[in-house]
Amino acid sequence: MALREIKPGNRGFLYINAHPAGCAAVVDELWQRTPAPAPAPAADRDGPVALVIGSSAGYGLAATVAALRTHGMRGLGIAFEAPETERRTASAGWYRTARTAALAGPDGDFAFLNADAFSTTAKEQALDHLATRYGKVDFLVYSVAAPRRTDPATGEIHHSVIKPLGSAYRAKTLQFDGDEALVGALELEPATDAERDATVRVMGGADWKLWIDALTDRGLVRPGFHTVALSYVGSELTAPIYRAGTIGAAKQHLEDTARRLQRDLAPLGGQAHTVVAGAAVTQASTAIPSIALYTSLLRAVLGDDFQSTAQQAAGLWRQLTGATPLQLDEEQRIRLDGWEMDEKVQAAVHERWTAATTGTLAELADTEWFRAEVGRLYGWHVDGTDYDSPAETTVSWPAGG
């Protein structure tokens, strides 16, 4: 056990240290915002089994919490997190995972594996656990955002990039100079074909398909199995760097993969879809240029109608469990972003985007909310957390993971 005085040590939107108590408090809030338990399964059967890949952050964390709190699911969450070192705290996802497991309680039947989900070893360990403990799986949620991936077949390391395709990208950005929020300018040159292809290999559907193939090869897919992968569409304002950029190429590959998986799983009574979630402040989204400004403007337009990841995850599980019908668009994607993509909402955001300058930012965007949300990703800026006293930074990974 180690009591340490820790500071954020942040550079822009990246924080060097995570605060354990703050991370735990964030999970506590997420848990409380998640709907209360649904009716228990019939006495003659156990609860469903879920495998959540990318369970420690963003939508994956919200999906895990909703699976546990609302649906009492059994299963396994997979995340790739860093332990504490002499120089730094453990990663925020490490502390969030520990708290999620604690909230599930000693009677919870859900384990957490700390491993690189892209690797063959992680797949073997996960499937061995699932086969031994449960036999078959009902749901697989794929929510992975990573900067690089080692191809398990070739050993080649691919690095993703966030760049436009075809032409340069010039746009406004949100920046902070101390406590002051500023509107800056950004210009990015277009990606090369090699950069685009590498991004698709990291963030596309190749690894998702490998997981499904591994499950089916081991006979671990239960009839009625449903798998989803998280995606995003977003506004026309961010399209040049997102849907029309390298990330968009990867998301298109993810969506194409969903259609192939849907055909493959049909004989087993299974389904596969991508899920178009709404905007959120996540560790992945803060790395995308212009997203910070767009999200701050969106929050100012919507106020408390801005849907949290907890609300979106609850809606997703209602659809996956059959409590409500699937809300599919013409491309067979599950849509959770209607609140964001409403025409009036987008028109208001467009108007504010055009008018946004450093001088007008305070009245047009909720930049204080955005900055606090970024800090909360690492356990900072969380109400009720004591940041002045030494913190217990040595936290064990949940047993059984």
Protein backbone atom coordinates (compact mmCIF):
# COMPACT_ATOMS: atom_id res chain seq x y z
CA MET A 1 0.00 0.00 0.00
CA ALA A 2 1.30 3.47 -0.84
CA LEU A 3 0.06 6.89 0.19
CA ARG A 4 1.34 9.42 -2.31
CA GLU A 5 0.88 13.09 -2.95
CA ILE A 6 -0.08 13.28 -6.60
CA LYS A 7 -0.70 16.08 -9.06
CA PRO A 8 -2.45 15.89 -12.43
CA GLY A 9 0.65 16.71 -14.45
CA ASN A 10 -1.49 17.38 -17.49
CA ARG A 11 -0.39 18.63 -20.89
CA GLY A 12 -3.50 19.97 -22.60
CA PHE A 13 -6.07 17.20 -22.63
CA LEU A 14 -3.58 14.50 -21.60
CA TYR A 15 -3.06 13.80 -17.89
CA ILE A 16 0.06 12.02 -16.67
CA ASN A 17 -1.41 10.83 -13.35
CA ALA A 18 -4.82 9.50 -12.42
CA HIS A 19 -6.41 10.05 -9.04
CA PRO A 20 -7.64 6.73 -7.56
CA ALA A 21 -10.39 8.18 -5.37
CA GLY A 22 -11.57 10.45 -8.15
CA CYS A 23 -11.71 7.57 -10.63
CA ALA A 24 -13.67 5.50 -8.13
CA ALA A 25 -16.09 8.38 -7.55
CA VAL A 26 -16.68 8.71 -11.30
CA VAL A 27 -17.64 5.03 -11.46
CA ASP A 28 -19.88 5.48 -8.42
CA GLU A 29 -21.69 8.30 -10.22
CA LEU A 30 -22.00 6.21 -13.38
CA TRP A 31 -23.43 3.35 -11.31
CA GLN A 32 -26.00 5.60 -9.67
CA ARG A 33 -27.05 7.11 -13.00
CA THR A 34 -27.63 3.65 -14.45
CA PRO A 35 -31.18 2.28 -14.16
CA ALA A 36 -31.95 0.06 -11.18
CA PRO A 37 -31.91 -3.72 -11.60
CA ALA A 38 -34.29 -5.28 -14.09
CA PRO A 39 -36.42 -8.27 -13.07
CA ALA A 40 -34.24 -11.26 -12.21
CA PRO A 41 -34.04 -14.23 -14.59
CA ALA A 42 -36.39 -17.11 -14.03
CA ALA A 43 -35.34 -19.43 -11.24
CA ASP A 44 -34.51 -22.20 -13.68
CA ARG A 45 -31.90 -20.24 -15.61
CA ASP A 46 -28.93 -18.00 -14.92
CA GLY A 47 -28.48 -14.47 -16.17
CA PRO A 48 -27.08 -13.81 -19.64
CA VAL A 49 -23.34 -13.85 -20.33
CA ALA A 50 -21.62 -10.80 -21.80
CA LEU A 51 -18.11 -10.25 -23.09
CA VAL A 52 -17.18 -6.55 -23.17
CA ILE A 53 -13.97 -5.76 -25.01
CA GLY A 54 -12.76 -2.33 -23.95
CA SER A 55 -14.54 -2.33 -20.58
CA SER A 56 -12.53 0.31 -18.70
CA ALA A 57 -13.38 3.58 -20.45
CA GLY A 58 -16.00 5.50 -22.40
CA TYR A 59 -18.90 3.60 -23.86
CA GLY A 60 -17.34 0.25 -22.97
CA LEU A 61 -17.27 1.18 -19.30
CA ALA A 62 -20.84 2.47 -19.43
CA ALA A 63 -21.97 -0.73 -21.17
CA THR A 64 -20.22 -2.83 -18.52
CA VAL A 65 -21.80 -0.92 -15.63
CA ALA A 66 -25.25 -1.17 -17.21
CA ALA A 67 -24.79 -4.89 -17.83
CA LEU A 68 -23.87 -5.41 -14.18
CA ARG A 69 -26.23 -3.03 -12.40
CA THR A 70 -29.37 -3.26 -14.51
CA HIS A 71 -29.19 -6.76 -15.94
CA GLY A 72 -27.09 -8.69 -13.45
CA MET A 73 -25.04 -10.13 -16.28
CA ARG A 74 -22.27 -12.61 -15.84
CA GLY A 75 -19.19 -12.61 -17.99
CA LEU A 76 -15.89 -10.94 -18.69
CA GLY A 77 -14.56 -7.47 -19.34
CA ILE A 78 -11.25 -6.93 -21.13
CA ALA A 79 -9.10 -3.83 -20.86
CA PHE A 80 -5.42 -3.01 -21.37
CA GLU A 81 -4.32 -0.87 -18.45
CA ALA A 82 -1.03 0.12 -16.84
CA PRO A 83 -0.20 -0.65 -13.19
CA GLU A 84 1.38 1.81 -10.80
CA THR A 85 5.11 2.54 -11.12
CA GLU A 86 7.54 4.46 -8.96
CA ARG A 87 7.04 7.54 -11.13
CA ARG A 88 3.37 7.38 -11.99
CA THR A 89 0.06 6.20 -10.72
CA ALA A 90 -1.75 3.33 -12.37
CA SER A 91 -3.82 4.31 -15.38
CA ALA A 92 -7.28 5.73 -14.86
CA GLY A 93 -8.83 2.61 -16.40
CA TRP A 94 -7.03 0.44 -13.85
CA TYR A 95 -8.69 2.32 -10.98
CA ARG A 96 -12.07 2.41 -12.74
CA THR A 97 -11.98 -1.33 -13.28
CA ALA A 98 -11.17 -2.00 -9.64
CA ARG A 99 -14.12 0.11 -8.54
CA THR A 100 -16.49 -1.45 -11.08
CA ALA A 101 -15.62 -4.91 -9.75
CA ALA A 102 -16.14 -3.72 -6.17
CA LEU A 103 -19.58 -2.34 -6.97
CA ALA A 104 -20.57 -5.63 -8.60
CA GLY A 105 -20.05 -7.09 -5.14
CA PRO A 106 -18.60 -10.34 -3.81
CA ASP A 107 -21.50 -12.29 -5.30
CA GLY A 108 -21.01 -10.83 -8.76
CA ASP A 109 -20.08 -13.32 -11.45
CA PHE A 110 -18.10 -11.01 -13.71
CA ALA A 111 -14.32 -11.06 -14.11
CA PHE A 112 -11.87 -8.60 -15.65
CA LEU A 113 -8.87 -9.50 -17.79
CA ASN A 114 -6.01 -7.03 -18.23
CA ALA A 115 -4.64 -7.85 -21.67
CA ASP A 116 -4.08 -6.55 -25.19
CA ALA A 117 -7.37 -7.46 -26.86
CA PHE A 118 -5.65 -7.49 -30.25
CA SER A 119 -3.44 -10.42 -29.25
CA THR A 120 -4.07 -14.11 -29.79
CA THR A 121 -3.07 -14.75 -26.17
CA ALA A 122 -5.85 -12.49 -24.88
CA LYS A 123 -8.40 -14.30 -27.02
CA GLU A 124 -7.24 -17.69 -25.78
CA GLN A 125 -7.30 -16.60 -22.13
CA ALA A 126 -10.73 -15.01 -22.47
CA LEU A 127 -12.28 -17.93 -24.29
CA ASP A 128 -10.80 -20.44 -21.87
CA HIS A 129 -12.40 -18.53 -19.00
CA LEU A 130 -15.76 -18.25 -20.75
CA ALA A 131 -15.80 -21.91 -21.78
CA THR A 132 -14.88 -23.13 -18.31
CA ARG A 133 -17.19 -20.84 -16.38
CA TYR A 134 -20.24 -20.37 -18.63
CA GLY A 135 -20.12 -22.56 -21.70
CA LYS A 136 -21.65 -20.06 -24.11
CA VAL A 137 -21.93 -16.30 -24.60
CA ASP A 138 -25.05 -14.21 -25.25
CA PHE A 139 -23.54 -10.80 -26.02
CA LEU A 140 -20.25 -9.35 -27.20
CA VAL A 141 -19.73 -5.59 -27.04
CA TYR A 142 -16.68 -4.34 -28.92
CA SER A 143 -15.55 -0.86 -27.83
CA VAL A 144 -11.84 -0.55 -28.57
CA ALA A 145 -9.99 2.67 -29.39
CA ALA A 146 -6.23 2.28 -29.69
CA PRO A 147 -3.35 4.14 -31.33
CA ARG A 148 -1.71 0.99 -32.69
CA ARG A 149 -2.27 -2.71 -33.28
CA THR A 150 0.06 -5.62 -33.78
CA ASP A 151 -1.32 -7.94 -36.44
CA PRO A 152 -1.50 -11.36 -34.75
CA ALA A 153 -0.89 -13.15 -38.04
CA THR A 154 2.12 -11.19 -39.31
CA GLY A 155 3.50 -9.42 -36.24
CA GLU A 156 3.44 -6.13 -38.14
CA ILE A 157 2.66 -3.08 -36.02
CA HIS A 158 0.15 -0.65 -37.52
CA HIS A 159 -0.27 2.92 -36.23
CA SER A 160 -3.48 4.86 -36.61
CA VAL A 161 -3.53 8.54 -37.58
CA ILE A 162 -6.19 11.23 -37.36
CA LYS A 163 -6.02 13.00 -40.70
CA PRO A 164 -8.32 14.09 -43.53
CA LEU A 165 -8.43 12.27 -46.83
CA GLY A 166 -7.96 13.89 -50.21
CA SER A 167 -7.33 17.48 -49.15
CA ALA A 168 -6.00 19.44 -46.20
CA TYR A 169 -8.23 20.14 -43.20
CA ARG A 170 -8.49 23.63 -41.80
CA ALA A 171 -10.82 24.32 -38.90
CA LYS A 172 -11.37 25.97 -35.55
CA THR A 173 -10.21 24.25 -32.39
CA LEU A 174 -10.70 24.70 -28.68
CA GLN A 175 -7.52 25.44 -26.73
CA PHE A 176 -6.74 26.41 -23.16
CA ASP A 177 -4.10 28.88 -22.03
CA GLY A 178 -4.11 28.42 -18.29
CA ASP A 179 -7.68 29.05 -17.21
CA GLU A 180 -8.63 30.86 -20.41
CA ALA A 181 -10.45 29.09 -23.23
CA LEU A 182 -9.36 30.12 -26.72
CA VAL A 183 -10.48 29.48 -30.27
CA GLY A 184 -7.46 28.43 -32.26
CA ALA A 185 -6.87 27.30 -35.83
CA LEU A 186 -5.65 23.96 -37.08
CA GLU A 187 -4.41 22.73 -40.42
CA LEU A 188 -3.69 19.08 -41.20
CA GLU A 189 -2.34 17.68 -44.44
CA PRO A 190 -4.18 14.71 -45.93
CA ALA A 191 -3.19 11.18 -45.04
CA THR A 192 -1.27 8.98 -47.41
CA ASP A 193 -2.79 5.74 -48.66
CA ALA A 194 -0.49 3.85 -46.29
CA GLU A 195 -1.67 5.91 -43.32
CA ARG A 196 -5.31 5.38 -44.23
CA ASP A 197 -4.81 1.63 -44.60
CA ALA A 198 -2.94 1.40 -41.28
CA THR A 199 -5.74 3.26 -39.49
CA VAL A 200 -8.29 0.85 -40.93
CA ARG A 201 -6.22 -2.09 -39.70
CA VAL A 202 -6.15 -0.62 -36.18
CA MET A 203 -9.65 0.83 -35.85
CA GLY A 204 -11.66 -1.13 -38.41
CA GLY A 205 -13.44 -4.43 -38.01
CA ALA A 206 -10.58 -6.90 -38.48
CA ASP A 207 -10.07 -7.62 -34.78
CA TRP A 208 -13.81 -7.66 -34.05
CA LYS A 209 -14.20 -10.40 -36.68
CA LEU A 210 -11.30 -12.37 -35.19
CA TRP A 211 -13.11 -12.38 -31.83
CA ILE A 212 -16.35 -13.61 -33.39
CA ASP A 213 -14.49 -16.26 -35.42
CA ALA A 214 -12.73 -17.43 -32.26
CA LEU A 215 -16.02 -17.70 -30.36
CA THR A 216 -17.76 -19.61 -33.15
CA ASP A 217 -14.78 -21.92 -33.69
CA ARG A 218 -14.91 -22.85 -30.00
CA GLY A 219 -18.68 -23.35 -30.07
CA LEU A 220 -19.23 -20.57 -27.53
CA VAL A 221 -22.00 -18.69 -29.35
CA ARG A 222 -25.41 -19.24 -27.78
CA PRO A 223 -28.50 -19.22 -30.06
CA GLY A 224 -29.76 -15.64 -30.23
CA PHE A 225 -26.23 -14.27 -29.73
CA HIS A 226 -25.89 -10.56 -30.49
CA THR A 227 -22.66 -8.63 -31.02
CA VAL A 228 -22.24 -4.89 -31.48
CA ALA A 229 -19.31 -2.56 -32.13
CA LEU A 230 -19.32 1.11 -31.20
CA SER A 231 -19.19 3.71 -33.95
CA TYR A 232 -19.96 7.39 -34.47
CA VAL A 233 -21.24 9.61 -37.27
CA GLY A 234 -21.44 13.12 -35.87
CA SER A 235 -21.97 16.50 -37.45
CA GLU A 236 -21.12 17.86 -40.87
CA LEU A 237 -18.86 20.27 -38.99
CA THR A 238 -16.51 17.48 -37.95
CA ALA A 239 -17.02 15.26 -40.99
CA PRO A 240 -13.81 16.27 -42.82
CA ILE A 241 -11.66 15.03 -39.92
CA TYR A 242 -13.99 12.22 -38.85
CA ARG A 243 -16.39 10.46 -41.23
CA ALA A 244 -14.58 11.72 -44.33
CA GLY A 245 -11.13 11.18 -42.83
CA THR A 246 -8.98 8.23 -41.81
CA ILE A 247 -11.20 7.45 -38.81
CA GLY A 248 -14.24 7.45 -41.07
CA ALA A 249 -12.54 4.94 -43.37
CA ALA A 250 -12.00 2.71 -40.33
CA LYS A 251 -15.61 3.12 -39.20
CA GLN A 252 -16.82 2.26 -42.68
CA HIS A 253 -14.76 -0.94 -42.52
CA LEU A 254 -16.30 -1.65 -39.11
CA GLU A 255 -19.78 -1.23 -40.57
CA ASP A 256 -18.95 -3.41 -43.58
CA THR A 257 -17.65 -6.03 -41.14
CA ALA A 258 -20.96 -5.93 -39.28
CA ARG A 259 -22.82 -6.86 -42.43
CA ARG A 260 -20.46 -9.78 -43.08
CA LEU A 261 -20.81 -10.97 -39.49
CA GLN A 262 -24.58 -10.69 -39.74
CA ARG A 263 -24.52 -13.16 -42.63
CA ASP A 264 -22.09 -15.46 -40.82
CA LEU A 265 -24.13 -15.52 -37.62
CA ALA A 266 -27.55 -15.93 -39.23
CA PRO A 267 -27.37 -19.76 -39.31
CA LEU A 268 -26.72 -19.65 -35.55
CA GLY A 269 -29.62 -17.33 -34.90
CA GLY A 270 -27.18 -14.51 -34.15
CA GLN A 271 -26.96 -10.86 -35.08
CA ALA A 272 -24.23 -8.24 -35.57
CA HIS A 273 -24.61 -4.47 -35.75
CA THR A 274 -22.60 -1.34 -35.32
CA VAL A 275 -23.94 1.16 -32.80
CA VAL A 276 -23.88 4.84 -33.69
CA ALA A 277 -23.51 6.51 -30.32
CA GLY A 278 -23.89 10.21 -29.62
CA ALA A 279 -21.13 12.63 -28.74
CA ALA A 280 -19.24 12.15 -25.49
CA VAL A 281 -16.06 13.36 -23.83
CA THR A 282 -13.80 10.31 -23.82
CA GLN A 283 -10.06 9.73 -23.84
CA ALA A 284 -10.37 8.77 -27.50
CA SER A 285 -12.53 11.70 -28.61
CA THR A 286 -10.32 14.35 -27.02
CA ALA A 287 -7.54 13.36 -29.43
CA ILE A 288 -9.64 14.31 -32.47
CA PRO A 289 -9.15 17.91 -33.67
CA SER A 290 -12.25 20.16 -33.51
CA ILE A 291 -14.23 17.63 -31.47
CA ALA A 292 -13.56 19.60 -28.27
CA LEU A 293 -15.02 22.81 -29.70
CA TYR A 294 -17.95 20.99 -31.30
CA THR A 295 -18.81 19.11 -28.11
CA SER A 296 -18.58 22.27 -26.00
CA LEU A 297 -20.99 24.03 -28.36
CA LEU A 298 -23.32 21.02 -28.39
CA ARG A 299 -23.41 20.96 -24.61
CA ALA A 300 -24.26 24.68 -24.52
CA VAL A 301 -27.15 24.09 -26.92
CA LEU A 302 -28.54 21.03 -25.12
CA GLY A 303 -27.72 21.69 -21.48
CA ASP A 304 -28.99 18.82 -19.36
CA ASP A 305 -30.50 17.20 -22.47
CA PHE A 306 -26.96 16.21 -23.47
CA GLN A 307 -27.15 12.44 -23.02
CA SER A 308 -24.52 10.78 -20.87
CA THR A 309 -22.81 7.51 -21.72
CA ALA A 310 -24.89 5.95 -18.91
CA GLN A 311 -28.12 6.97 -20.63
CA GLN A 312 -26.90 5.74 -24.00
CA ALA A 313 -25.68 2.42 -22.61
CA ALA A 314 -29.01 1.86 -20.87
CA GLY A 315 -30.80 2.46 -24.16
CA LEU A 316 -28.47 0.08 -25.98
CA TRP A 317 -29.05 -2.77 -23.51
CA ARG A 318 -32.82 -2.27 -23.69
CA GLN A 319 -32.54 -2.94 -27.40
CA LEU A 320 -30.09 -5.83 -27.13
CA THR A 321 -32.17 -7.62 -24.48
CA GLY A 322 -35.38 -7.19 -26.45
CA ALA A 323 -37.05 -4.84 -23.96
CA THR A 324 -37.48 -2.39 -26.85
CA PRO A 325 -37.20 -2.94 -30.62
CA LEU A 326 -33.92 -2.33 -32.40
CA GLN A 327 -33.73 1.24 -33.72
CA LEU A 328 -32.00 0.64 -37.05
CA ASP A 329 -31.24 3.11 -39.81
CA GLU A 330 -31.18 2.35 -43.54
CA GLU A 331 -27.67 0.95 -43.18
CA GLN A 332 -28.77 -1.41 -40.40
CA ARG A 333 -26.90 0.48 -37.69
CA ILE A 334 -28.37 0.83 -34.20
CA ARG A 335 -28.84 4.55 -33.57
CA LEU A 336 -28.40 6.15 -30.15
CA ASP A 337 -27.63 9.65 -31.42
CA GLY A 338 -31.05 11.07 -32.28
CA TRP A 339 -30.74 13.64 -29.51
CA GLU A 340 -27.52 14.96 -31.07
CA MET A 341 -28.48 14.78 -34.73
CA ASP A 342 -31.86 16.50 -34.34
CA GLU A 343 -32.10 19.10 -37.13
CA LYS A 344 -32.82 22.00 -34.77
CA VAL A 345 -29.94 21.04 -32.50
CA GLN A 346 -27.50 20.80 -35.39
CA ALA A 347 -28.69 24.11 -36.83
CA ALA A 348 -28.05 25.81 -33.48
CA VAL A 349 -24.58 24.26 -33.21
CA HIS A 350 -23.74 25.34 -36.78
CA GLU A 351 -24.76 28.91 -35.99
CA ARG A 352 -22.60 28.97 -32.88
CA TRP A 353 -19.66 27.37 -34.68
CA THR A 354 -19.69 30.14 -37.29
CA ALA A 355 -19.82 32.83 -34.61
CA ALA A 356 -17.28 31.25 -32.27
CA THR A 357 -14.20 33.36 -31.55
CA THR A 358 -12.14 33.73 -28.42
CA GLY A 359 -14.20 36.80 -27.59
CA THR A 360 -17.60 35.10 -28.04
CA LEU A 361 -16.68 31.66 -26.73
CA ALA A 362 -17.90 32.21 -23.16
CA GLU A 363 -21.46 32.92 -24.32
CA LEU A 364 -21.60 30.25 -27.03
CA ALA A 365 -19.88 27.17 -25.60
CA ASP A 366 -19.73 25.34 -22.29
CA THR A 367 -15.95 25.17 -22.11
CA GLU A 368 -15.80 24.87 -18.33
CA TRP A 369 -17.98 21.76 -18.50
CA PHE A 370 -15.76 20.31 -21.21
CA ARG A 371 -12.53 20.93 -19.34
CA ALA A 372 -13.99 19.42 -16.17
CA GLU A 373 -15.15 16.37 -18.13
CA VAL A 374 -11.65 15.86 -19.52
CA GLY A 375 -10.19 16.00 -16.01
CA ARG A 376 -12.81 13.53 -14.76
CA LEU A 377 -11.54 10.99 -17.29
CA TYR A 378 -8.48 10.76 -15.05
CA GLY A 379 -10.24 11.23 -11.71
CA TRP A 380 -9.68 14.98 -11.41
CA HIS A 381 -12.31 17.72 -10.96
CA VAL A 382 -14.64 15.28 -9.22
CA ASP A 383 -16.80 16.87 -6.54
CA GLY A 384 -16.24 15.52 -3.05
CA THR A 385 -12.74 14.18 -3.76
CA ASP A 386 -9.92 15.27 -1.44
CA TYR A 387 -7.05 16.30 -3.68
CA ASP A 388 -5.02 17.97 -0.94
CA SER A 389 -4.26 14.84 1.10
CA PRO A 390 -2.02 11.92 0.08
CA ALA A 391 -3.93 9.28 -1.89
CA GLU A 392 -3.76 5.51 -1.74
CA THR A 393 -2.42 4.72 -5.20
CA THR A 394 -1.72 0.99 -4.81
CA VAL A 395 -4.93 -0.72 -5.89
CA SER A 396 -5.09 -4.37 -6.90
CA TRP A 397 -6.53 -5.55 -10.17
CA PRO A 398 -9.77 -7.45 -9.47
CA ALA A 399 -9.22 -11.06 -8.45
CA GLY A 400 -9.82 -13.60 -11.16
CA GLY A 401 -8.74 -11.28 -13.98
